[in-house]
Amino acid sequence: MYILFYNPYRYCWAHSQKKGHYQSGRSKINFALQEQQNKFCVWANGVQNKFCVWANGVQNLFCVWANGVQNLFCVWANGVQNLFCVGANGVANLFGNAPITKKQNKL
């Protein structure tokens, strides 16, 4: 599993060759992959709308998150490195890795 971005309530990830529906905290997480490729996904619930475009099951080229408090923009080189990230946890993280702690990775 590649967790490509994290904020306190929602996740965005790729998972190889599976289709399903996950419930994580306050967020319903939907994904549909074909041959390890998820071309786009739209996420919505009562609080937040999200839009993601994926290059393949490992790489997230473009991700935009929006809610009433915070707008987030991320570009990833691969599933590990975060090249540009604003507001992951209220702190700007530019051109560096965004490590996922045990507290963050609740799945």
PDB file of N, CA and C in Angstrom:
ATOM      1  N   MET A   1       0.840  -1.193   0.000  1.00  0.00           N
ATOM      2  CA  MET A   1       0.000   0.000   0.000  1.00  0.00           C
ATOM      3  C   MET A   1       0.876   1.243   0.000  1.00  0.00           C
ATOM      4  N   TYR A   2       0.533   2.195  -0.825  1.00  0.00           N
ATOM      5  CA  TYR A   2       1.261   3.448  -0.901  1.00  0.00           C
ATOM      6  C   TYR A   2       0.341   4.561  -0.446  1.00  0.00           C
ATOM      7  N   ILE A   3       0.635   5.141   0.716  1.00  0.00           N
ATOM      8  CA  ILE A   3      -0.143   6.284   1.171  1.00  0.00           C
ATOM      9  C   ILE A   3       0.515   7.529   0.601  1.00  0.00           C
ATOM     10  N   LEU A   4      -0.171   8.180  -0.317  1.00  0.00           N
ATOM     11  CA  LEU A   4       0.456   9.251  -1.079  1.00  0.00           C
ATOM     12  C   LEU A   4       0.289  10.614  -0.439  1.00  0.00           C
ATOM     13  N   PHE A   5      -0.721  10.754   0.369  1.00  0.00           N
ATOM     14  CA  PHE A   5      -0.876  12.016   1.081  1.00  0.00           C
ATOM     15  C   PHE A   5      -1.689  11.786   2.331  1.00  0.00           C
ATOM     16  N   TYR A   6      -1.424  12.584   3.356  1.00  0.00           N
ATOM     17  CA  TYR A   6      -2.140  12.440   4.614  1.00  0.00           C
ATOM     18  C   TYR A   6      -2.601  13.792   5.118  1.00  0.00           C
ATOM     19  N   ASN A   7      -3.823  13.862   5.620  1.00  0.00           N
ATOM     20  CA  ASN A   7      -4.201  14.917   6.544  1.00  0.00           C
ATOM     21  C   ASN A   7      -4.990  14.273   7.664  1.00  0.00           C
ATOM     22  N   PRO A   8      -5.328  14.978   8.722  1.00  0.00           N
ATOM     23  CA  PRO A   8      -5.882  14.312   9.908  1.00  0.00           C
ATOM     24  C   PRO A   8      -7.151  13.506   9.666  1.00  0.00           C
ATOM     25  N   TYR A   9      -7.862  13.751   8.596  1.00  0.00           N
ATOM     26  CA  TYR A   9      -9.145  13.082   8.419  1.00  0.00           C
ATOM     27  C   TYR A   9      -9.249  12.234   7.160  1.00  0.00           C
ATOM     28  N   ARG A  10      -8.385  12.472   6.199  1.00  0.00           N
ATOM     29  CA  ARG A  10      -8.541  11.777   4.931  1.00  0.00           C
ATOM     30  C   ARG A  10      -7.221  11.233   4.414  1.00  0.00           C
ATOM     31  N   TYR A  11      -7.350  10.177   3.640  1.00  0.00           N
ATOM     32  CA  TYR A  11      -6.197   9.583   3.005  1.00  0.00           C
ATOM     33  C   TYR A  11      -6.410   9.532   1.496  1.00  0.00           C
ATOM     34  N   CYS A  12      -5.319   9.507   0.785  1.00  0.00           N
ATOM     35  CA  CYS A  12      -5.371   9.293  -0.653  1.00  0.00           C
ATOM     36  C   CYS A  12      -4.253   8.319  -0.980  1.00  0.00           C
ATOM     37  N   TRP A  13      -4.579   7.171  -1.521  1.00  0.00           N
ATOM     38  CA  TRP A  13      -3.526   6.201  -1.774  1.00  0.00           C
ATOM     39  C   TRP A  13      -3.818   5.365  -3.006  1.00  0.00           C
ATOM     40  N   ALA A  14      -2.840   4.565  -3.371  1.00  0.00           N
ATOM     41  CA  ALA A  14      -3.008   3.581  -4.432  1.00  0.00           C
ATOM     42  C   ALA A  14      -2.788   2.197  -3.841  1.00  0.00           C
ATOM     43  N   HIS A  15      -3.522   1.236  -4.320  1.00  0.00           N
ATOM     44  CA  HIS A  15      -3.380  -0.132  -3.846  1.00  0.00           C
ATOM     45  C   HIS A  15      -3.507  -1.055  -5.050  1.00  0.00           C
ATOM     46  N   SER A  16      -2.553  -1.919  -5.236  1.00  0.00           N
ATOM     47  CA  SER A  16      -2.415  -2.666  -6.485  1.00  0.00           C
ATOM     48  C   SER A  16      -3.563  -3.641  -6.718  1.00  0.00           C
ATOM     49  N   GLN A  17      -4.115  -3.584  -7.907  1.00  0.00           N
ATOM     50  CA  GLN A  17      -5.009  -4.585  -8.470  1.00  0.00           C
ATOM     51  C   GLN A  17      -6.153  -4.959  -7.547  1.00  0.00           C
ATOM     52  N   LYS A  18      -6.743  -3.974  -6.920  1.00  0.00           N
ATOM     53  CA  LYS A  18      -7.898  -4.264  -6.082  1.00  0.00           C
ATOM     54  C   LYS A  18      -8.951  -3.197  -6.277  1.00  0.00           C
ATOM     55  N   LYS A  19     -10.184  -3.600  -6.019  1.00  0.00           N
ATOM     56  CA  LYS A  19     -11.283  -2.658  -6.035  1.00  0.00           C
ATOM     57  C   LYS A  19     -11.983  -2.773  -4.694  1.00  0.00           C
ATOM     58  N   GLY A  20     -12.365  -1.657  -4.128  1.00  0.00           N
ATOM     59  CA  GLY A  20     -13.020  -1.774  -2.839  1.00  0.00           C
ATOM     60  C   GLY A  20     -13.440  -0.455  -2.258  1.00  0.00           C
ATOM     61  N   HIS A  21     -13.865  -0.548  -1.026  1.00  0.00           N
ATOM     62  CA  HIS A  21     -14.375   0.609  -0.295  1.00  0.00           C
ATOM     63  C   HIS A  21     -13.895   0.484   1.144  1.00  0.00           C
ATOM     64  N   TYR A  22     -13.240   1.504   1.641  1.00  0.00           N
ATOM     65  CA  TYR A  22     -12.744   1.497   3.000  1.00  0.00           C
ATOM     66  C   TYR A  22     -13.419   2.596   3.805  1.00  0.00           C
ATOM     67  N   GLN A  23     -13.561   2.354   5.097  1.00  0.00           N
ATOM     68  CA  GLN A  23     -14.041   3.384   6.019  1.00  0.00           C
ATOM     69  C   GLN A  23     -12.895   3.699   6.964  1.00  0.00           C
ATOM     70  N   SER A  24     -12.483   4.954   7.017  1.00  0.00           N
ATOM     71  CA  SER A  24     -11.377   5.354   7.875  1.00  0.00           C
ATOM     72  C   SER A  24     -11.772   6.602   8.635  1.00  0.00           C
ATOM     73  N   GLY A  25     -12.044   6.437   9.901  1.00  0.00           N
ATOM     74  CA  GLY A  25     -12.438   7.579  10.718  1.00  0.00           C
ATOM     75  C   GLY A  25     -13.691   8.219  10.177  1.00  0.00           C
ATOM     76  N   ARG A  26     -13.594   9.501   9.821  1.00  0.00           N
ATOM     77  CA  ARG A  26     -14.732  10.255   9.325  1.00  0.00           C
ATOM     78  C   ARG A  26     -14.850  10.209   7.808  1.00  0.00           C
ATOM     79  N   SER A  27     -13.989   9.449   7.164  1.00  0.00           N
ATOM     80  CA  SER A  27     -13.915   9.532   5.709  1.00  0.00           C
ATOM     81  C   SER A  27     -14.193   8.192   5.061  1.00  0.00           C
ATOM     82  N   LYS A  28     -15.000   8.198   4.016  1.00  0.00           N
ATOM     83  CA  LYS A  28     -15.156   7.024   3.172  1.00  0.00           C
ATOM     84  C   LYS A  28     -14.126   7.109   2.055  1.00  0.00           C
ATOM     85  N   ILE A  29     -13.374   6.046   1.912  1.00  0.00           N
ATOM     86  CA  ILE A  29     -12.301   6.038   0.923  1.00  0.00           C
ATOM     87  C   ILE A  29     -12.672   5.062  -0.185  1.00  0.00           C
ATOM     88  N   ASN A  30     -12.804   5.583  -1.372  1.00  0.00           N
ATOM     89  CA  ASN A  30     -13.154   4.761  -2.525  1.00  0.00           C
ATOM     90  C   ASN A  30     -11.987   4.716  -3.501  1.00  0.00           C
ATOM     91  N   PHE A  31     -11.746   3.542  -4.067  1.00  0.00           N
ATOM     92  CA  PHE A  31     -10.733   3.473  -5.110  1.00  0.00           C
ATOM     93  C   PHE A  31     -11.093   2.377  -6.106  1.00  0.00           C
ATOM     94  N   ALA A  32     -10.695   2.579  -7.322  1.00  0.00           N
ATOM     95  CA  ALA A  32     -10.891   1.573  -8.360  1.00  0.00           C
ATOM     96  C   ALA A  32      -9.643   1.541  -9.214  1.00  0.00           C
ATOM     97  N   LEU A  33      -8.978   0.397  -9.241  1.00  0.00           N
ATOM     98  CA  LEU A  33      -7.724   0.275  -9.978  1.00  0.00           C
ATOM     99  C   LEU A  33      -7.884  -0.760 -11.082  1.00  0.00           C
ATOM    100  N   GLN A  34      -7.349  -0.467 -12.239  1.00  0.00           N
ATOM    101  CA  GLN A  34      -7.307  -1.415 -13.340  1.00  0.00           C
ATOM    102  C   GLN A  34      -5.855  -1.613 -13.736  1.00  0.00           C
ATOM    103  N   GLU A  35      -5.375  -2.837 -13.554  1.00  0.00           N
ATOM    104  CA  GLU A  35      -3.990  -3.167 -13.863  1.00  0.00           C
ATOM    105  C   GLU A  35      -3.043  -2.182 -13.199  1.00  0.00           C
ATOM    106  N   GLN A  36      -3.253  -1.964 -11.919  1.00  0.00           N
ATOM    107  CA  GLN A  36      -2.441  -1.083 -11.083  1.00  0.00           C
ATOM    108  C   GLN A  36      -2.512   0.369 -11.523  1.00  0.00           C
ATOM    109  N   GLN A  37      -3.585   0.747 -12.179  1.00  0.00           N
ATOM    110  CA  GLN A  37      -3.699   2.129 -12.630  1.00  0.00           C
ATOM    111  C   GLN A  37      -5.056   2.714 -12.260  1.00  0.00           C
ATOM    112  N   ASN A  38      -5.017   3.847 -11.572  1.00  0.00           N
ATOM    113  CA  ASN A  38      -6.226   4.577 -11.213  1.00  0.00           C
ATOM    114  C   ASN A  38      -6.137   5.947 -11.865  1.00  0.00           C
ATOM    115  N   LYS A  39      -6.904   6.163 -12.939  1.00  0.00           N
ATOM    116  CA  LYS A  39      -6.732   7.370 -13.737  1.00  0.00           C
ATOM    117  C   LYS A  39      -7.248   8.620 -13.028  1.00  0.00           C
ATOM    118  N   PHE A  40      -8.361   8.506 -12.330  1.00  0.00           N
ATOM    119  CA  PHE A  40      -8.821   9.647 -11.549  1.00  0.00           C
ATOM    120  C   PHE A  40      -9.826   9.189 -10.507  1.00  0.00           C
ATOM    121  N   CYS A  41      -9.969   9.965  -9.473  1.00  0.00           N
ATOM    122  CA  CYS A  41     -10.951   9.662  -8.453  1.00  0.00           C
ATOM    123  C   CYS A  41     -11.512  10.970  -7.917  1.00  0.00           C
ATOM    124  N   VAL A  42     -12.792  10.965  -7.620  1.00  0.00           N
ATOM    125  CA  VAL A  42     -13.437  12.115  -6.997  1.00  0.00           C
ATOM    126  C   VAL A  42     -13.958  11.669  -5.641  1.00  0.00           C
ATOM    127  N   TRP A  43     -13.616  12.407  -4.625  1.00  0.00           N
ATOM    128  CA  TRP A  43     -13.968  12.060  -3.254  1.00  0.00           C
ATOM    129  C   TRP A  43     -14.933  13.115  -2.729  1.00  0.00           C
ATOM    130  N   ALA A  44     -15.966  12.685  -2.040  1.00  0.00           N
ATOM    131  CA  ALA A  44     -16.913  13.655  -1.506  1.00  0.00           C
ATOM    132  C   ALA A  44     -17.593  13.103  -0.271  1.00  0.00           C
ATOM    133  N   ASN A  45     -17.749  13.956   0.725  1.00  0.00           N
ATOM    134  CA  ASN A  45     -18.652  13.673   1.828  1.00  0.00           C
ATOM    135  C   ASN A  45     -19.244  14.987   2.305  1.00  0.00           C
ATOM    136  N   GLY A  46     -19.867  14.998   3.449  1.00  0.00           N
ATOM    137  CA  GLY A  46     -20.559  16.194   3.907  1.00  0.00           C
ATOM    138  C   GLY A  46     -19.636  17.338   4.251  1.00  0.00           C
ATOM    139  N   VAL A  47     -18.349  17.063   4.399  1.00  0.00           N
ATOM    140  CA  VAL A  47     -17.409  18.094   4.821  1.00  0.00           C
ATOM    141  C   VAL A  47     -16.471  18.493   3.705  1.00  0.00           C
ATOM    142  N   GLN A  48     -15.974  17.540   2.954  1.00  0.00           N
ATOM    143  CA  GLN A  48     -14.855  17.805   2.057  1.00  0.00           C
ATOM    144  C   GLN A  48     -15.066  17.196   0.678  1.00  0.00           C
ATOM    145  N   ASN A  49     -14.682  17.957  -0.339  1.00  0.00           N
ATOM    146  CA  ASN A  49     -14.628  17.460  -1.709  1.00  0.00           C
ATOM    147  C   ASN A  49     -13.178  17.410  -2.152  1.00  0.00           C
ATOM    148  N   LYS A  50     -12.814  16.345  -2.854  1.00  0.00           N
ATOM    149  CA  LYS A  50     -11.433  16.148  -3.240  1.00  0.00           C
ATOM    150  C   LYS A  50     -11.344  15.654  -4.676  1.00  0.00           C
ATOM    151  N   PHE A  51     -10.249  15.975  -5.341  1.00  0.00           N
ATOM    152  CA  PHE A  51     -10.020  15.529  -6.714  1.00  0.00           C
ATOM    153  C   PHE A  51      -8.569  15.102  -6.877  1.00  0.00           C
ATOM    154  N   CYS A  52      -8.370  13.918  -7.433  1.00  0.00           N
ATOM    155  CA  CYS A  52      -7.017  13.393  -7.585  1.00  0.00           C
ATOM    156  C   CYS A  52      -6.827  12.826  -8.979  1.00  0.00           C
ATOM    157  N   VAL A  53      -5.640  13.004  -9.518  1.00  0.00           N
ATOM    158  CA  VAL A  53      -5.247  12.369 -10.763  1.00  0.00           C
ATOM    159  C   VAL A  53      -3.982  11.557 -10.494  1.00  0.00           C
ATOM    160  N   TRP A  54      -3.992  10.325 -10.937  1.00  0.00           N
ATOM    161  CA  TRP A  54      -2.881   9.417 -10.672  1.00  0.00           C
ATOM    162  C   TRP A  54      -2.225   9.010 -11.988  1.00  0.00           C
ATOM    163  N   ALA A  55      -0.900   8.959 -11.982  1.00  0.00           N
ATOM    164  CA  ALA A  55      -0.199   8.465 -13.165  1.00  0.00           C
ATOM    165  C   ALA A  55      -0.299   6.950 -13.250  1.00  0.00           C
ATOM    166  N   ASN A  56      -0.129   6.287 -12.107  1.00  0.00           N
ATOM    167  CA  ASN A  56      -0.296   4.834 -12.040  1.00  0.00           C
ATOM    168  C   ASN A  56      -0.525   4.452 -10.585  1.00  0.00           C
ATOM    169  N   GLY A  57      -0.478   3.195 -10.279  1.00  0.00           N
ATOM    170  CA  GLY A  57      -0.782   2.753  -8.925  1.00  0.00           C
ATOM    171  C   GLY A  57       0.244   3.155  -7.897  1.00  0.00           C
ATOM    172  N   VAL A  58       1.403   3.609  -8.330  1.00  0.00           N
ATOM    173  CA  VAL A  58       2.468   3.988  -7.405  1.00  0.00           C
ATOM    174  C   VAL A  58       2.645   5.495  -7.343  1.00  0.00           C
ATOM    175  N   GLN A  59       2.467   6.158  -8.460  1.00  0.00           N
ATOM    176  CA  GLN A  59       2.845   7.566  -8.556  1.00  0.00           C
ATOM    177  C   GLN A  59       1.624   8.475  -8.631  1.00  0.00           C
ATOM    178  N   ASN A  60       1.626   9.489  -7.786  1.00  0.00           N
ATOM    179  CA  ASN A  60       0.576  10.503  -7.786  1.00  0.00           C
ATOM    180  C   ASN A  60       1.168  11.800  -8.307  1.00  0.00           C
ATOM    181  N   LEU A  61       0.781  12.183  -9.536  1.00  0.00           N
ATOM    182  CA  LEU A  61       1.371  13.371 -10.143  1.00  0.00           C
ATOM    183  C   LEU A  61       0.710  14.657  -9.676  1.00  0.00           C
ATOM    184  N   PHE A  62      -0.575  14.600  -9.357  1.00  0.00           N
ATOM    185  CA  PHE A  62      -1.291  15.832  -9.064  1.00  0.00           C
ATOM    186  C   PHE A  62      -2.444  15.542  -8.119  1.00  0.00           C
ATOM    187  N   CYS A  63      -2.516  16.278  -7.051  1.00  0.00           N
ATOM    188  CA  CYS A  63      -3.591  16.059  -6.096  1.00  0.00           C
ATOM    189  C   CYS A  63      -4.011  17.395  -5.510  1.00  0.00           C
ATOM    190  N   VAL A  64      -5.309  17.662  -5.524  1.00  0.00           N
ATOM    191  CA  VAL A  64      -5.849  18.886  -4.940  1.00  0.00           C
ATOM    192  C   VAL A  64      -6.877  18.502  -3.886  1.00  0.00           C
ATOM    193  N   TRP A  65      -6.752  19.069  -2.732  1.00  0.00           N
ATOM    194  CA  TRP A  65      -7.678  18.826  -1.633  1.00  0.00           C
ATOM    195  C   TRP A  65      -8.280  20.157  -1.210  1.00  0.00           C
ATOM    196  N   ALA A  66      -9.557  20.148  -0.871  1.00  0.00           N
ATOM    197  CA  ALA A  66     -10.194  21.389  -0.440  1.00  0.00           C
ATOM    198  C   ALA A  66     -11.204  21.099   0.651  1.00  0.00           C
ATOM    199  N   ASN A  67     -11.211  21.938   1.667  1.00  0.00           N
ATOM    200  CA  ASN A  67     -12.288  21.920   2.651  1.00  0.00           C
ATOM    201  C   ASN A  67     -12.502  23.330   3.178  1.00  0.00           C
ATOM    202  N   GLY A  68     -13.328  23.484   4.170  1.00  0.00           N
ATOM    203  CA  GLY A  68     -13.662  24.809   4.673  1.00  0.00           C
ATOM    204  C   GLY A  68     -12.516  25.495   5.383  1.00  0.00           C
ATOM    205  N   VAL A  69     -11.477  24.737   5.711  1.00  0.00           N
ATOM    206  CA  VAL A  69     -10.370  25.301   6.476  1.00  0.00           C
ATOM    207  C   VAL A  69      -9.113  25.429   5.641  1.00  0.00           C
ATOM    208  N   GLN A  70      -8.831  24.458   4.802  1.00  0.00           N
ATOM    209  CA  GLN A  70      -7.497  24.342   4.238  1.00  0.00           C
ATOM    210  C   GLN A  70      -7.537  23.845   2.805  1.00  0.00           C
ATOM    211  N   ASN A  71      -6.706  24.427   1.968  1.00  0.00           N
ATOM    212  CA  ASN A  71      -6.492  23.930   0.611  1.00  0.00           C
ATOM    213  C   ASN A  71      -5.095  23.332   0.518  1.00  0.00           C
ATOM    214  N   LEU A  72      -4.990  22.161  -0.095  1.00  0.00           N
ATOM    215  CA  LEU A  72      -3.722  21.450  -0.138  1.00  0.00           C
ATOM    216  C   LEU A  72      -3.355  21.142  -1.581  1.00  0.00           C
ATOM    217  N   PHE A  73      -2.079  21.248  -1.902  1.00  0.00           N
ATOM    218  CA  PHE A  73      -1.592  20.925  -3.242  1.00  0.00           C
ATOM    219  C   PHE A  73      -0.322  20.098  -3.131  1.00  0.00           C
ATOM    220  N   CYS A  74      -0.287  18.966  -3.796  1.00  0.00           N
ATOM    221  CA  CYS A  74       0.867  18.077  -3.694  1.00  0.00           C
ATOM    222  C   CYS A  74       1.261  17.543  -5.058  1.00  0.00           C
ATOM    223  N   VAL A  75       2.544  17.438  -5.286  1.00  0.00           N
ATOM    224  CA  VAL A  75       3.090  16.734  -6.436  1.00  0.00           C
ATOM    225  C   VAL A  75       4.107  15.730  -5.908  1.00  0.00           C
ATOM    226  N   TRP A  76       4.007  14.504  -6.355  1.00  0.00           N
ATOM    227  CA  TRP A  76       4.869  13.441  -5.857  1.00  0.00           C
ATOM    228  C   TRP A  76       5.716  12.883  -6.995  1.00  0.00           C
ATOM    229  N   ALA A  77       6.997  12.628  -6.690  1.00  0.00           N
ATOM    230  CA  ALA A  77       7.842  11.932  -7.652  1.00  0.00           C
ATOM    231  C   ALA A  77       7.539  10.438  -7.648  1.00  0.00           C
ATOM    232  N   ASN A  78       7.286   9.896  -6.466  1.00  0.00           N
ATOM    233  CA  ASN A  78       6.892   8.494  -6.335  1.00  0.00           C
ATOM    234  C   ASN A  78       6.110   8.340  -5.042  1.00  0.00           C
ATOM    235  N   GLY A  79       5.839   7.132  -4.647  1.00  0.00           N
ATOM    236  CA  GLY A  79       5.014   6.908  -3.468  1.00  0.00           C
ATOM    237  C   GLY A  79       5.699   7.247  -2.163  1.00  0.00           C
ATOM    238  N   VAL A  80       6.976   7.568  -2.198  1.00  0.00           N
ATOM    239  CA  VAL A  80       7.724   7.846  -0.973  1.00  0.00           C
ATOM    240  C   VAL A  80       8.040   9.322  -0.830  1.00  0.00           C
ATOM    241  N   GLN A  81       8.472   9.943  -1.894  1.00  0.00           N
ATOM    242  CA  GLN A  81       8.978  11.309  -1.802  1.00  0.00           C
ATOM    243  C   GLN A  81       7.912  12.337  -2.144  1.00  0.00           C
ATOM    244  N   ASN A  82       7.825  13.359  -1.307  1.00  0.00           N
ATOM    245  CA  ASN A  82       6.905  14.463  -1.524  1.00  0.00           C
ATOM    246  C   ASN A  82       7.698  15.663  -2.011  1.00  0.00           C
ATOM    247  N   LEU A  83       7.513  16.038  -3.292  1.00  0.00           N
ATOM    248  CA  LEU A  83       8.301  17.134  -3.846  1.00  0.00           C
ATOM    249  C   LEU A  83       7.777  18.499  -3.439  1.00  0.00           C
ATOM    250  N   PHE A  84       6.461  18.619  -3.308  1.00  0.00           N
ATOM    251  CA  PHE A  84       5.895  19.918  -2.968  1.00  0.00           C
ATOM    252  C   PHE A  84       4.616  19.703  -2.178  1.00  0.00           C
ATOM    253  N   CYS A  85       4.556  20.253  -0.988  1.00  0.00           N
ATOM    254  CA  CYS A  85       3.377  20.041  -0.166  1.00  0.00           C
ATOM    255  C   CYS A  85       3.151  21.259   0.710  1.00  0.00           C
ATOM    256  N   VAL A  86       1.903  21.715   0.763  1.00  0.00           N
ATOM    257  CA  VAL A  86       1.533  22.829   1.633  1.00  0.00           C
ATOM    258  C   VAL A  86       0.400  22.376   2.534  1.00  0.00           C
ATOM    259  N   GLY A  87       0.576  22.576   3.806  1.00  0.00           N
ATOM    260  CA  GLY A  87      -0.516  22.362   4.750  1.00  0.00           C
ATOM    261  C   GLY A  87      -0.821  20.911   5.050  1.00  0.00           C
ATOM    262  N   ALA A  88       0.178  20.048   5.050  1.00  0.00           N
ATOM    263  CA  ALA A  88      -0.073  18.649   5.362  1.00  0.00           C
ATOM    264  C   ALA A  88      -0.610  18.503   6.781  1.00  0.00           C
ATOM    265  N   ASN A  89      -0.050  19.229   7.703  1.00  0.00           N
ATOM    266  CA  ASN A  89      -0.544  19.224   9.082  1.00  0.00           C
ATOM    267  C   ASN A  89      -0.457  20.629   9.660  1.00  0.00           C
ATOM    268  N   GLY A  90      -0.745  21.603   8.829  1.00  0.00           N
ATOM    269  CA  GLY A  90      -0.664  22.989   9.268  1.00  0.00           C
ATOM    270  C   GLY A  90       0.720  23.588   9.102  1.00  0.00           C
ATOM    271  N   VAL A  91       1.681  22.766   8.662  1.00  0.00           N
ATOM    272  CA  VAL A  91       3.055  23.225   8.472  1.00  0.00           C
ATOM    273  C   VAL A  91       3.437  23.005   7.018  1.00  0.00           C
ATOM    274  N   ALA A  92       3.952  24.045   6.382  1.00  0.00           N
ATOM    275  CA  ALA A  92       4.386  23.907   4.991  1.00  0.00           C
ATOM    276  C   ALA A  92       5.617  23.012   4.921  1.00  0.00           C
ATOM    277  N   ASN A  93       5.593  22.057   4.001  1.00  0.00           N
ATOM    278  CA  ASN A  93       6.707  21.134   3.818  1.00  0.00           C
ATOM    279  C   ASN A  93       7.104  21.172   2.350  1.00  0.00           C
ATOM    280  N   LEU A  94       8.158  21.890   2.028  1.00  0.00           N
ATOM    281  CA  LEU A  94       8.529  22.140   0.640  1.00  0.00           C
ATOM    282  C   LEU A  94       9.741  21.317   0.232  1.00  0.00           C
ATOM    283  N   PHE A  95       9.614  20.617  -0.899  1.00  0.00           N
ATOM    284  CA  PHE A  95      10.724  19.905  -1.510  1.00  0.00           C
ATOM    285  C   PHE A  95      11.445  19.006  -0.515  1.00  0.00           C
ATOM    286  N   GLY A  96      10.694  18.153   0.132  1.00  0.00           N
ATOM    287  CA  GLY A  96      11.296  17.203   1.055  1.00  0.00           C
ATOM    288  C   GLY A  96      10.371  16.032   1.283  1.00  0.00           C
ATOM    289  N   ASN A  97      10.855  15.042   2.016  1.00  0.00           N
ATOM    290  CA  ASN A  97      10.039  13.882   2.314  1.00  0.00           C
ATOM    291  C   ASN A  97       8.995  14.229   3.355  1.00  0.00           C
ATOM    292  N   ALA A  98       7.866  13.569   3.262  1.00  0.00           N
ATOM    293  CA  ALA A  98       6.813  13.729   4.257  1.00  0.00           C
ATOM    294  C   ALA A  98       6.619  12.388   4.944  1.00  0.00           C
ATOM    295  N   PRO A  99       7.398  12.108   5.974  1.00  0.00           N
ATOM    296  CA  PRO A  99       7.310  10.797   6.612  1.00  0.00           C
ATOM    297  C   PRO A  99       5.949  10.570   7.252  1.00  0.00           C
ATOM    298  N   ILE A 100       5.504   9.328   7.202  1.00  0.00           N
ATOM    299  CA  ILE A 100       4.216   8.959   7.778  1.00  0.00           C
ATOM    300  C   ILE A 100       4.478   8.276   9.114  1.00  0.00           C
ATOM    301  N   THR A 101       4.013   8.879  10.175  1.00  0.00           N
ATOM    302  CA  THR A 101       4.236   8.321  11.498  1.00  0.00           C
ATOM    303  C   THR A 101       3.157   7.308  11.827  1.00  0.00           C
ATOM    304  N   LYS A 102       3.376   6.556  12.895  1.00  0.00           N
ATOM    305  CA  LYS A 102       2.378   5.587  13.329  1.00  0.00           C
ATOM    306  C   LYS A 102       1.079   6.283  13.709  1.00  0.00           C
ATOM    307  N   LYS A 103       1.201   7.463  14.271  1.00  0.00           N
ATOM    308  CA  LYS A 103       0.007   8.214  14.641  1.00  0.00           C
ATOM    309  C   LYS A 103      -0.793   8.603  13.403  1.00  0.00           C
ATOM    310  N   GLN A 104      -0.104   8.967  12.330  1.00  0.00           N
ATOM    311  CA  GLN A 104      -0.777   9.372  11.106  1.00  0.00           C
ATOM    312  C   GLN A 104      -1.347   8.177  10.362  1.00  0.00           C
ATOM    313  N   ASN A 105      -0.565   7.112  10.305  1.00  0.00           N
ATOM    314  CA  ASN A 105      -0.976   5.951   9.529  1.00  0.00           C
ATOM    315  C   ASN A 105      -1.837   5.049  10.401  1.00  0.00           C
ATOM    316  N   LYS A 106      -3.130   5.361  10.451  1.00  0.00           N
ATOM    317  CA  LYS A 106      -4.036   4.624  11.320  1.00  0.00           C
ATOM    318  C   LYS A 106      -4.580   3.369  10.660  1.00  0.00           C
ATOM    319  N   LEU A 107      -4.285   3.215   9.377  1.00  0.00           N
ATOM    320  CA  LEU A 107      -4.712   2.005   8.691  1.00  0.00           C
ATOM    321  C   LEU A 107      -3.594   0.988   8.745  1.00  0.00           C
TER     322      LEU A 107
END
